[in-house]
Amino acid sequence: MTTRRSNEDPVVEWLLEDEQPSVRYYTLVDLLGRDKRDDEVRETYSNISTRGWAKEILSSQRRGGYWESGDNLYRPKYTATNWRAIVLSDLGLASDNPRIKRTADQFFNQWLKLPSMNNIFNDEVCVVGNTARMLTHYGYGDDFRVRKLFDRLVEDQKDDGGWHCFDSKVGTLDGWEGLAAFAALPKSKHTKSIKRSIERGAEFYLERKLFEEGKRRYEPWFRLHYPNHYYYDVLVGLDTLTRLGYASDKRLKPAIEILNDKKQSDGTWLLERVHPDIGVGADYVLRGRRKIKPFALEAPGKPSKWITLQALRVLRRIQEDDTN
C-alpha cells in the first residue's frame, strides 16, 4: 500500500506501518489531515478488525459478543468484556461491525435495560462515563438510553466542577470519565446542560494544571499508560481538554511541558507503565483474593505507537489552535 505523505518524518512513517491499521488510520486522518472518504483511508479502516490489536482482541470473543463471562461484563479486571470493549472503541471499531454490535447488545441488555437502568445508575460515575464514551464511539450516541447516561453525568457533577467515582462532596482529577464522555460527542449534540457541564469540568482541570491535587505530587499521574481503564494521567487530561476545544488555554502549558519532556531522542514516546500501576508514589493497594491480570497492547518501557499517536494528536491540536 502506497501512502501520499505530506512529509518524510520517520516517526510518522513508523505510525503509518501496515501492522497496526488503527494507528495508521488515525495518523492519516488526525495527523496528516486526510479525508475519511479517501480510498486509502477507507481501506485502512476496513483492516482494523482483520489485523493487529483489534483482531487479537476479537479472536477471543465468545459467540454472544462477550469475553470471559456472559454473566459479568466487569470482572475479572482487566480482561472482561467492559475493558476490551473500551479498547476496541478507542481503536475505531463501531456497530457496523457485527461483532461489535453483539458486544454493544450485551451492555444494552445487562446494564442499560429499561425501565430503570438501575444496573448502571447505581454504579460508579467512572463506569457511567466509560460506558457512555464507548457506546458513543460505537455509534449509539443518539440512543435514548445512552443519552440518559449523559444526563446522569451532568447530574452527578460536584459543586466544584469535578466528578468522583466514590462518595464525596468534591471532585478529583481521577474522575475524568465524565468529561471524556462529553469529548466523544460531536459538538452538534451538546445540549445547554452539557455545554455548561463541560465548561465547569474544564475549569476544574485547568485550575489544577491537570495534575495538582493534594499536598504532594501523585507519581502515577506523571507516567503514561494504555489502556487507561479508569485511571488518570497527564496525557489523559491533555487529550480530553484539547478534544473539547481548550488547546489554546495557557494553563495547559505545564502539562504540555511534561509531555514534551517525555519525548525520546528518536521522536517517540514510551509506554511507561501498564495498569494497575502500583509503582513508586502510588497510594493504593490491590485488594481481594483474585489476581488481577494486566491487559496491554504493547510492552511497557518501549516506544509505543499508541502513546506516540496520542501525544502527537494533542500537540497538533495545540499547534492548530495557535495558528487560528
Protein backbone atom coordinates (compact mmCIF):
# COMPACT_ATOMS: atom_id res chain seq x y z
CA MET A 1 0.00 0.00 0.00
CA THR A 2 1.45 3.37 -1.02
CA THR A 3 0.70 6.45 1.04
CA ARG A 4 0.88 10.02 -0.20
CA ARG A 5 2.81 11.70 2.60
CA SER A 6 2.97 15.38 3.37
CA ASN A 7 6.46 14.90 4.80
CA GLU A 8 9.08 12.24 5.41
CA ASP A 9 9.00 12.36 9.22
CA PRO A 10 10.40 8.98 10.35
CA VAL A 11 8.01 8.86 13.32
CA VAL A 12 5.02 9.42 11.05
CA GLU A 13 6.40 6.74 8.71
CA TRP A 14 6.61 4.39 11.70
CA LEU A 15 3.00 5.13 12.66
CA LEU A 16 1.90 4.51 9.07
CA GLU A 17 3.21 0.96 9.00
CA ASP A 18 0.56 -1.57 7.99
CA GLU A 19 0.81 -3.83 11.05
CA GLN A 20 -1.48 -1.66 13.21
CA PRO A 21 -4.25 -0.28 10.99
CA SER A 22 -5.88 1.62 13.88
CA VAL A 23 -2.73 3.66 14.35
CA ARG A 24 -2.31 4.03 10.60
CA TYR A 25 -5.92 5.18 10.20
CA TYR A 26 -5.74 7.86 12.91
CA THR A 27 -2.35 9.00 11.63
CA LEU A 28 -3.79 9.52 8.15
CA VAL A 29 -6.88 11.34 9.43
CA ASP A 30 -5.72 13.20 12.55
CA LEU A 31 -2.05 13.90 11.81
CA LEU A 32 -1.96 14.12 8.01
CA GLY A 33 -5.44 15.56 7.59
CA ARG A 34 -6.71 13.02 5.10
CA ASP A 35 -10.44 12.87 4.39
CA LYS A 36 -12.25 9.83 5.80
CA ARG A 37 -13.78 9.27 2.36
CA ASP A 38 -10.33 8.90 0.79
CA ASP A 39 -9.90 5.43 -0.74
CA GLU A 40 -6.70 4.70 1.18
CA VAL A 41 -8.24 5.86 4.46
CA ARG A 42 -11.30 3.68 3.88
CA GLU A 43 -9.16 0.68 3.04
CA THR A 44 -7.07 1.20 6.16
CA TYR A 45 -10.20 1.47 8.29
CA SER A 46 -11.54 -1.77 6.83
CA ASN A 47 -8.37 -3.54 8.01
CA ILE A 48 -8.78 -2.59 11.69
CA SER A 49 -10.77 -5.70 12.58
CA THR A 50 -8.66 -8.06 10.47
CA ARG A 51 -5.14 -7.16 11.53
CA GLY A 52 -3.25 -6.05 14.62
CA TRP A 53 -4.57 -5.33 18.10
CA ALA A 54 -8.29 -5.34 17.31
CA LYS A 55 -8.02 -8.67 15.54
CA GLU A 56 -6.19 -10.14 18.53
CA ILE A 57 -8.88 -8.93 20.94
CA LEU A 58 -11.73 -10.13 18.72
CA SER A 59 -10.11 -13.54 18.30
CA SER A 60 -11.00 -14.43 21.89
CA GLN A 61 -14.53 -13.02 21.79
CA ARG A 62 -17.26 -15.55 22.60
CA ARG A 63 -20.15 -16.12 20.23
CA GLY A 64 -22.51 -13.99 22.31
CA GLY A 65 -20.28 -10.93 21.99
CA TYR A 66 -18.58 -11.14 25.38
CA TRP A 67 -15.23 -12.13 26.88
CA GLU A 68 -14.52 -14.24 29.96
CA SER A 69 -18.14 -14.48 31.18
CA GLY A 70 -21.54 -13.66 29.78
CA ASP A 71 -22.85 -13.06 33.30
CA ASN A 72 -20.38 -10.39 34.41
CA LEU A 73 -19.21 -7.75 31.94
CA TYR A 74 -16.95 -6.08 34.51
CA ARG A 75 -14.92 -8.86 36.10
CA PRO A 76 -12.28 -10.14 36.00
CA LYS A 77 -10.30 -6.95 35.73
CA TYR A 78 -8.94 -6.11 33.17
CA THR A 79 -9.82 -8.80 30.68
CA ALA A 80 -13.62 -9.00 30.90
CA THR A 81 -15.96 -7.51 28.30
CA ASN A 82 -16.06 -3.99 29.74
CA TRP A 83 -12.33 -3.44 29.42
CA ARG A 84 -11.90 -4.99 25.99
CA ALA A 85 -14.93 -3.15 24.64
CA ILE A 86 -13.49 0.21 25.70
CA VAL A 87 -10.22 -0.53 23.91
CA LEU A 88 -12.00 -1.65 20.74
CA SER A 89 -13.94 1.62 20.73
CA ASP A 90 -10.66 3.54 21.06
CA LEU A 91 -9.23 1.58 18.16
CA GLY A 92 -12.03 2.85 15.93
CA LEU A 93 -14.46 -0.04 15.61
CA ALA A 94 -18.20 0.66 15.56
CA SER A 95 -21.54 -1.12 15.41
CA ASP A 96 -21.38 -1.56 11.64
CA ASN A 97 -19.14 -4.49 12.57
CA PRO A 98 -21.46 -7.37 13.58
CA ARG A 99 -19.11 -8.48 16.36
CA ILE A 100 -19.11 -5.00 17.89
CA LYS A 101 -22.89 -4.85 17.65
CA ARG A 102 -23.12 -8.11 19.60
CA THR A 103 -20.87 -6.64 22.27
CA ALA A 104 -22.92 -3.44 22.45
CA ASP A 105 -26.05 -5.56 22.82
CA GLN A 106 -24.52 -7.11 25.93
CA PHE A 107 -24.31 -3.67 27.56
CA PHE A 108 -27.81 -2.67 26.49
CA ASN A 109 -29.26 -5.94 27.77
CA GLN A 110 -27.36 -6.11 31.05
CA TRP A 111 -26.51 -2.55 32.11
CA LEU A 112 -28.96 -0.32 30.26
CA LYS A 113 -32.08 -2.44 30.44
CA LEU A 114 -35.28 -0.48 30.80
CA PRO A 115 -37.32 0.69 32.57
CA SER A 116 -34.99 1.61 35.43
CA MET A 117 -31.43 1.10 34.14
CA ASN A 118 -30.57 0.66 37.82
CA ASN A 119 -27.76 -1.73 36.96
CA ILE A 120 -25.58 1.17 35.88
CA PHE A 121 -27.25 4.19 37.52
CA ASN A 122 -26.45 2.71 40.90
CA ASP A 123 -22.84 2.22 39.87
CA GLU A 124 -19.81 4.48 40.00
CA VAL A 125 -19.76 7.54 37.74
CA CYS A 126 -16.50 6.31 36.22
CA VAL A 127 -18.37 3.26 34.90
CA VAL A 128 -21.15 5.50 33.57
CA GLY A 129 -18.65 7.77 31.82
CA ASN A 130 -16.66 4.94 30.28
CA THR A 131 -19.84 3.26 29.05
CA ALA A 132 -21.22 6.49 27.57
CA ARG A 133 -17.94 7.17 25.78
CA MET A 134 -17.60 3.62 24.49
CA LEU A 135 -21.15 3.34 23.18
CA THR A 136 -20.91 6.79 21.58
CA HIS A 137 -17.76 5.71 19.74
CA TYR A 138 -19.66 2.62 18.64
CA GLY A 139 -22.30 4.86 17.06
CA TYR A 140 -25.03 4.85 19.71
CA GLY A 141 -24.74 8.46 20.85
CA ASP A 142 -28.32 9.22 19.80
CA ASP A 143 -29.81 6.19 21.56
CA PHE A 144 -32.06 7.49 24.36
CA ARG A 145 -30.52 5.04 26.82
CA VAL A 146 -27.06 6.44 26.13
CA ARG A 147 -28.44 9.97 26.41
CA LYS A 148 -29.64 9.01 29.89
CA LEU A 149 -26.04 8.21 30.75
CA PHE A 150 -25.01 11.72 29.72
CA ASP A 151 -27.86 13.14 31.82
CA ARG A 152 -26.52 11.18 34.78
CA LEU A 153 -23.04 12.66 34.24
CA VAL A 154 -24.47 16.20 34.29
CA GLU A 155 -26.46 15.46 37.44
CA ASP A 156 -23.54 13.82 39.23
CA GLN A 157 -21.10 16.69 38.72
CA LYS A 158 -19.87 18.16 42.00
CA ASP A 159 -20.24 21.80 43.02
CA ASP A 160 -16.55 22.37 42.27
CA GLY A 161 -16.98 21.16 38.68
CA GLY A 162 -15.31 17.79 39.06
CA TRP A 163 -16.55 14.25 39.41
CA HIS A 164 -15.72 11.48 41.84
CA CYS A 165 -16.14 7.73 41.44
CA PHE A 166 -16.86 7.30 45.15
CA ASP A 167 -18.92 9.11 47.75
CA SER A 168 -17.50 12.61 48.01
CA LYS A 169 -18.68 16.20 48.06
CA VAL A 170 -15.74 17.27 45.91
CA GLY A 171 -14.31 16.18 42.59
CA THR A 172 -10.96 14.61 41.81
CA LEU A 173 -8.74 14.58 38.74
CA ASP A 174 -9.13 10.80 38.81
CA GLY A 175 -12.80 11.30 37.88
CA TRP A 176 -12.03 12.16 34.25
CA GLU A 177 -14.50 9.77 32.63
CA GLY A 178 -17.43 12.21 32.61
CA LEU A 179 -15.52 14.91 30.76
CA ALA A 180 -14.02 12.35 28.36
CA ALA A 181 -17.52 11.07 27.56
CA PHE A 182 -18.58 14.58 26.59
CA ALA A 183 -15.49 14.81 24.37
CA ALA A 184 -16.76 11.80 22.42
CA LEU A 185 -19.99 13.60 21.50
CA PRO A 186 -19.99 15.79 18.37
CA LYS A 187 -20.45 19.45 19.31
CA SER A 188 -23.77 19.44 17.47
CA LYS A 189 -25.04 17.04 20.15
CA HIS A 190 -24.05 19.26 23.08
CA THR A 191 -27.18 20.43 24.90
CA LYS A 192 -27.13 23.58 27.03
CA SER A 193 -26.68 21.49 30.16
CA ILE A 194 -23.82 19.52 28.61
CA LYS A 195 -22.11 22.72 27.42
CA ARG A 196 -22.32 24.15 30.91
CA SER A 197 -21.08 20.91 32.42
CA ILE A 198 -18.10 20.89 30.03
CA GLU A 199 -17.24 24.49 30.92
CA ARG A 200 -17.32 23.73 34.64
CA GLY A 201 -15.43 20.45 34.21
CA ALA A 202 -12.74 22.00 32.05
CA GLU A 203 -12.25 24.78 34.57
CA PHE A 204 -11.85 22.19 37.33
CA TYR A 205 -8.93 20.62 35.43
CA LEU A 206 -7.38 23.85 34.21
CA GLU A 207 -7.37 25.38 37.69
CA ARG A 208 -5.31 22.39 38.81
CA LYS A 209 -2.98 22.47 35.77
CA LEU A 210 -4.18 18.89 35.07
CA PHE A 211 -2.01 17.41 37.83
CA GLU A 212 -2.13 19.48 41.05
CA GLU A 213 -4.24 17.85 43.74
CA GLY A 214 -3.44 17.30 47.38
CA LYS A 215 -0.27 18.21 49.20
CA ARG A 216 2.15 16.06 47.23
CA ARG A 217 2.82 15.07 43.66
CA TYR A 218 0.96 11.86 42.76
CA GLU A 219 3.51 9.95 40.70
CA PRO A 220 1.24 7.61 38.66
CA TRP A 221 -0.33 10.69 37.05
CA PHE A 222 3.07 11.54 35.57
CA ARG A 223 3.55 8.14 33.93
CA LEU A 224 1.97 7.37 30.55
CA HIS A 225 -0.28 4.31 30.26
CA TYR A 226 -2.58 2.48 27.89
CA PRO A 227 -5.16 1.06 28.33
CA ASN A 228 -6.16 3.61 30.96
CA HIS A 229 -9.24 1.69 32.19
CA TYR A 230 -10.44 4.12 34.90
CA TYR A 231 -7.03 5.54 35.83
CA TYR A 232 -5.81 9.06 35.11
CA ASP A 233 -2.56 10.57 33.86
CA VAL A 234 -1.49 13.89 32.30
CA LEU A 235 -1.88 12.57 28.75
CA VAL A 236 -5.48 11.59 29.51
CA GLY A 237 -6.08 15.13 30.73
CA LEU A 238 -4.40 16.76 27.75
CA ASP A 239 -6.23 14.56 25.27
CA THR A 240 -9.62 15.28 26.85
CA LEU A 241 -9.15 19.05 27.22
CA THR A 242 -7.77 19.54 23.72
CA ARG A 243 -10.59 17.47 22.22
CA LEU A 244 -13.06 19.76 23.96
CA GLY A 245 -11.55 22.89 22.42
CA TYR A 246 -9.24 24.13 25.18
CA ALA A 247 -5.98 23.62 23.30
CA SER A 248 -5.12 27.33 23.44
CA ASP A 249 -5.64 27.73 27.18
CA LYS A 250 -2.34 28.86 28.69
CA ARG A 251 -2.94 26.79 31.82
CA LEU A 252 -2.16 23.67 29.80
CA LYS A 253 1.46 24.79 29.43
CA PRO A 254 2.89 22.93 32.48
CA ALA A 255 1.26 19.65 31.38
CA ILE A 256 2.46 20.20 27.80
CA GLU A 257 5.99 20.68 29.08
CA ILE A 258 5.74 17.38 30.96
CA LEU A 259 4.59 15.66 27.77
CA ASN A 260 7.36 17.22 25.69
CA ASP A 261 9.98 16.25 28.27
CA LYS A 262 8.94 12.62 27.84
CA LYS A 263 9.63 12.69 24.12
CA GLN A 264 12.54 10.41 23.26
CA SER A 265 15.50 11.45 21.12
CA ASP A 266 14.04 9.49 18.19
CA GLY A 267 10.75 11.41 18.41
CA THR A 268 8.69 8.66 20.04
CA TRP A 269 7.08 8.33 23.46
CA LEU A 270 7.29 5.27 25.70
CA LEU A 271 4.52 3.23 27.22
CA GLU A 272 5.81 3.81 30.74
CA ARG A 273 3.54 1.54 32.76
CA VAL A 274 0.64 -0.86 32.39
CA HIS A 275 -2.24 -0.61 34.85
CA PRO A 276 -2.70 -1.30 37.65
CA ASP A 277 0.28 1.00 38.26
CA ILE A 278 1.25 0.39 41.88
CA GLY A 279 4.78 1.62 41.36
CA VAL A 280 6.63 4.38 43.22
CA GLY A 281 4.30 7.06 44.51
CA ALA A 282 1.03 5.11 44.25
CA ASP A 283 -1.10 5.31 47.39
CA TYR A 284 -3.35 2.32 46.84
CA VAL A 285 -3.01 -1.41 47.14
CA LEU A 286 -4.72 -4.25 45.32
CA ARG A 287 -7.39 -5.94 47.41
CA GLY A 288 -9.15 -9.25 47.14
CA ARG A 289 -8.05 -12.79 46.55
CA ARG A 290 -8.34 -12.75 42.78
CA LYS A 291 -5.15 -11.97 40.97
CA ILE A 292 -5.57 -9.10 38.53
CA LYS A 293 -4.22 -9.79 35.08
CA PRO A 294 -2.89 -6.66 33.35
CA PHE A 295 -4.14 -6.08 29.84
CA ALA A 296 -1.73 -4.42 27.42
CA LEU A 297 -1.34 -3.87 23.70
CA GLU A 298 2.36 -3.01 23.81
CA ALA A 299 5.37 -3.73 26.00
CA PRO A 300 5.97 -1.23 28.83
CA GLY A 301 9.25 0.63 28.80
CA LYS A 302 9.47 0.63 25.00
CA PRO A 303 8.44 3.08 22.26
CA SER A 304 4.67 2.96 21.94
CA LYS A 305 2.79 3.59 18.73
CA TRP A 306 -0.41 4.34 20.63
CA ILE A 307 1.14 6.73 23.15
CA THR A 308 3.12 8.45 20.38
CA LEU A 309 -0.04 8.84 18.31
CA GLN A 310 -1.92 10.29 21.29
CA ALA A 311 0.89 12.71 22.10
CA LEU A 312 1.17 13.92 18.51
CA ARG A 313 -2.60 14.35 18.28
CA VAL A 314 -2.54 16.56 21.36
CA LEU A 315 0.38 18.64 20.08
CA ARG A 316 -1.24 19.03 16.65
CA ARG A 317 -4.46 20.36 18.20
CA ILE A 318 -2.42 22.86 20.17
CA GLN A 319 -0.47 23.91 17.09
CA GLU A 320 -3.67 24.31 15.06
CA ASP A 321 -5.22 26.46 17.78
CA ASP A 322 -2.13 28.67 17.89
CA THR A 323 -2.28 29.28 14.14
CA ASN A 324 -6.02 30.07 14.05
